[in-house]
């Protein structure tokens, strides 16, 4: 998204539609990364709990 802003500043013809698309895609990737991070944490905790149960 920063690249798009810099390109728009240099060329001076950044259309609002392109900025909107970039904003939507950036938010989608942020949500995806957050959800992925949380699910990986949950998976690691479950694996650790399973290993602890197996050790008993």
N, C-alpha and C. Protein backbone atom coordinates (compact mmCIF):
# COMPACT_ATOMS: atom_id res chain seq x y z
N UNK A 1 0.82 -1.18 0.00
CA UNK A 1 0.00 0.00 0.00
C UNK A 1 0.87 1.26 0.00
N UNK A 2 1.97 1.20 0.73
CA UNK A 2 2.89 2.35 0.72
C UNK A 2 3.45 2.59 -0.68
N UNK A 3 3.72 1.50 -1.39
CA UNK A 3 4.23 1.63 -2.76
C UNK A 3 3.21 2.35 -3.62
N UNK A 4 1.94 2.00 -3.45
CA UNK A 4 0.88 2.65 -4.22
C UNK A 4 0.80 4.14 -3.89
N UNK A 5 0.94 4.48 -2.61
CA UNK A 5 0.91 5.90 -2.21
C UNK A 5 2.09 6.65 -2.80
N UNK A 6 3.30 6.06 -2.72
CA UNK A 6 4.48 6.72 -3.28
C UNK A 6 4.34 6.90 -4.79
N UNK A 7 3.83 5.88 -5.46
CA UNK A 7 3.64 5.99 -6.91
C UNK A 7 2.65 7.11 -7.23
N UNK A 8 1.57 7.18 -6.45
CA UNK A 8 0.59 8.24 -6.66
C UNK A 8 1.17 9.62 -6.40
N UNK A 9 2.05 9.73 -5.40
CA UNK A 9 2.67 11.02 -5.11
C UNK A 9 3.64 11.42 -6.22
N UNK A 10 4.37 10.44 -6.76
CA UNK A 10 5.35 10.74 -7.81
C UNK A 10 4.64 11.11 -9.11
N UNK A 11 3.68 10.27 -9.51
CA UNK A 11 2.98 10.51 -10.77
C UNK A 11 1.86 11.54 -10.63
N UNK A 12 1.30 11.64 -9.42
CA UNK A 12 0.24 12.60 -9.19
C UNK A 12 -1.11 12.19 -9.72
N UNK A 13 -1.28 10.91 -10.04
CA UNK A 13 -2.57 10.49 -10.60
C UNK A 13 -3.13 9.26 -9.88
N UNK A 14 -3.02 9.24 -8.58
CA UNK A 14 -3.54 8.12 -7.80
C UNK A 14 -5.06 8.21 -7.75
N UNK A 15 -5.72 7.25 -8.35
CA UNK A 15 -7.18 7.24 -8.37
C UNK A 15 -7.69 6.73 -7.02
N UNK A 16 -8.75 7.31 -6.52
CA UNK A 16 -9.31 6.86 -5.24
C UNK A 16 -9.71 5.38 -5.25
N UNK A 17 -10.13 4.87 -6.42
CA UNK A 17 -10.52 3.46 -6.51
C UNK A 17 -9.34 2.56 -6.19
N UNK A 18 -8.17 2.89 -6.74
CA UNK A 18 -6.98 2.07 -6.50
C UNK A 18 -6.59 2.11 -5.03
N UNK A 19 -6.68 3.28 -4.43
CA UNK A 19 -6.36 3.40 -3.01
C UNK A 19 -7.35 2.58 -2.19
N UNK A 20 -8.62 2.62 -2.55
CA UNK A 20 -9.64 1.84 -1.86
C UNK A 20 -9.38 0.35 -1.97
N UNK A 21 -9.06 -0.11 -3.18
CA UNK A 21 -8.75 -1.53 -3.37
C UNK A 21 -7.54 -1.93 -2.53
N UNK A 22 -6.50 -1.10 -2.55
CA UNK A 22 -5.30 -1.40 -1.77
C UNK A 22 -5.61 -1.45 -0.28
N UNK A 23 -6.46 -0.55 0.18
CA UNK A 23 -6.83 -0.53 1.59
C UNK A 23 -7.60 -1.79 1.98
N UNK A 24 -8.55 -2.19 1.14
CA UNK A 24 -9.33 -3.40 1.41
C UNK A 24 -8.44 -4.63 1.43
N UNK A 25 -7.54 -4.75 0.46
CA UNK A 25 -6.64 -5.90 0.39
C UNK A 25 -5.70 -5.91 1.59
N UNK A 26 -5.21 -4.74 1.97
CA UNK A 26 -4.31 -4.67 3.13
C UNK A 26 -5.01 -5.10 4.41
N UNK A 27 -6.24 -4.67 4.59
CA UNK A 27 -7.01 -5.07 5.77
C UNK A 27 -7.26 -6.57 5.75
N UNK A 28 -7.59 -7.10 4.56
CA UNK A 28 -7.83 -8.54 4.45
C UNK A 28 -6.59 -9.33 4.83
N UNK A 29 -5.42 -8.90 4.37
CA UNK A 29 -4.19 -9.60 4.71
C UNK A 29 -3.87 -9.47 6.20
N UNK A 30 -4.15 -8.33 6.80
CA UNK A 30 -3.93 -8.17 8.24
C UNK A 30 -4.82 -9.11 9.04
N UNK A 31 -6.09 -9.21 8.64
CA UNK A 31 -7.01 -10.12 9.33
C UNK A 31 -6.54 -11.55 9.16
N UNK A 32 -6.13 -11.91 7.95
CA UNK A 32 -5.65 -13.26 7.67
C UNK A 32 -4.43 -13.58 8.54
N UNK A 33 -3.48 -12.66 8.62
CA UNK A 33 -2.27 -12.88 9.42
C UNK A 33 -2.62 -13.03 10.90
N UNK A 34 -3.56 -12.22 11.40
CA UNK A 34 -3.97 -12.29 12.81
C UNK A 34 -4.62 -13.64 13.11
N UNK A 35 -5.56 -14.06 12.26
CA UNK A 35 -6.24 -15.33 12.47
C UNK A 35 -5.26 -16.49 12.38
N UNK A 36 -4.36 -16.44 11.40
CA UNK A 36 -3.35 -17.49 11.25
C UNK A 36 -2.47 -17.58 12.48
N UNK A 37 -2.06 -16.44 13.01
CA UNK A 37 -1.21 -16.41 14.21
C UNK A 37 -1.94 -17.03 15.40
N UNK A 38 -3.21 -16.68 15.58
CA UNK A 38 -3.98 -17.21 16.71
C UNK A 38 -4.18 -18.72 16.58
N UNK A 39 -4.49 -19.20 15.37
CA UNK A 39 -4.69 -20.63 15.20
C UNK A 39 -3.40 -21.41 15.38
N UNK A 40 -2.27 -20.83 14.97
CA UNK A 40 -0.99 -21.50 15.19
C UNK A 40 -0.68 -21.59 16.68
N UNK A 41 -1.00 -20.52 17.43
CA UNK A 41 -0.80 -20.55 18.88
C UNK A 41 -1.66 -21.63 19.51
N UNK A 42 -2.92 -21.72 19.09
CA UNK A 42 -3.82 -22.73 19.65
C UNK A 42 -3.33 -24.12 19.31
N UNK A 43 -2.83 -24.32 18.10
CA UNK A 43 -2.32 -25.62 17.70
C UNK A 43 -1.10 -26.02 18.51
N UNK A 44 -0.23 -25.06 18.78
CA UNK A 44 0.96 -25.34 19.58
C UNK A 44 0.58 -25.69 21.02
N UNK A 45 -0.41 -24.97 21.56
CA UNK A 45 -0.86 -25.27 22.93
C UNK A 45 -1.50 -26.65 23.00
N UNK A 46 -2.28 -27.01 22.00
CA UNK A 46 -2.90 -28.34 21.98
C UNK A 46 -1.86 -29.44 21.86
N UNK A 47 -0.86 -29.22 21.01
CA UNK A 47 0.20 -30.21 20.85
C UNK A 47 0.97 -30.38 22.16
N UNK A 48 1.24 -29.27 22.84
CA UNK A 48 1.94 -29.33 24.11
C UNK A 48 1.11 -30.07 25.15
N UNK A 49 -0.19 -29.81 25.19
CA UNK A 49 -1.07 -30.49 26.14
C UNK A 49 -1.13 -31.98 25.84
N UNK A 50 -1.17 -32.34 24.57
CA UNK A 50 -1.19 -33.76 24.20
C UNK A 50 0.10 -34.46 24.62
N UNK A 51 1.22 -33.78 24.45
CA UNK A 51 2.50 -34.38 24.86
C UNK A 51 2.56 -34.55 26.37
N UNK A 52 2.03 -33.58 27.10
CA UNK A 52 2.03 -33.68 28.56
C UNK A 52 1.14 -34.83 29.02
N UNK A 53 0.00 -35.03 28.35
CA UNK A 53 -0.88 -36.15 28.71
C UNK A 53 -0.22 -37.48 28.39
N UNK A 54 0.55 -37.54 27.31
CA UNK A 54 1.22 -38.78 26.94
C UNK A 54 2.32 -39.13 27.94
N UNK A 55 2.94 -38.10 28.53
CA UNK A 55 4.01 -38.33 29.49
C UNK A 55 3.50 -38.89 30.81
N UNK A 56 2.22 -38.69 31.11
CA UNK A 56 1.68 -39.15 32.40
C UNK A 56 1.51 -40.62 32.45
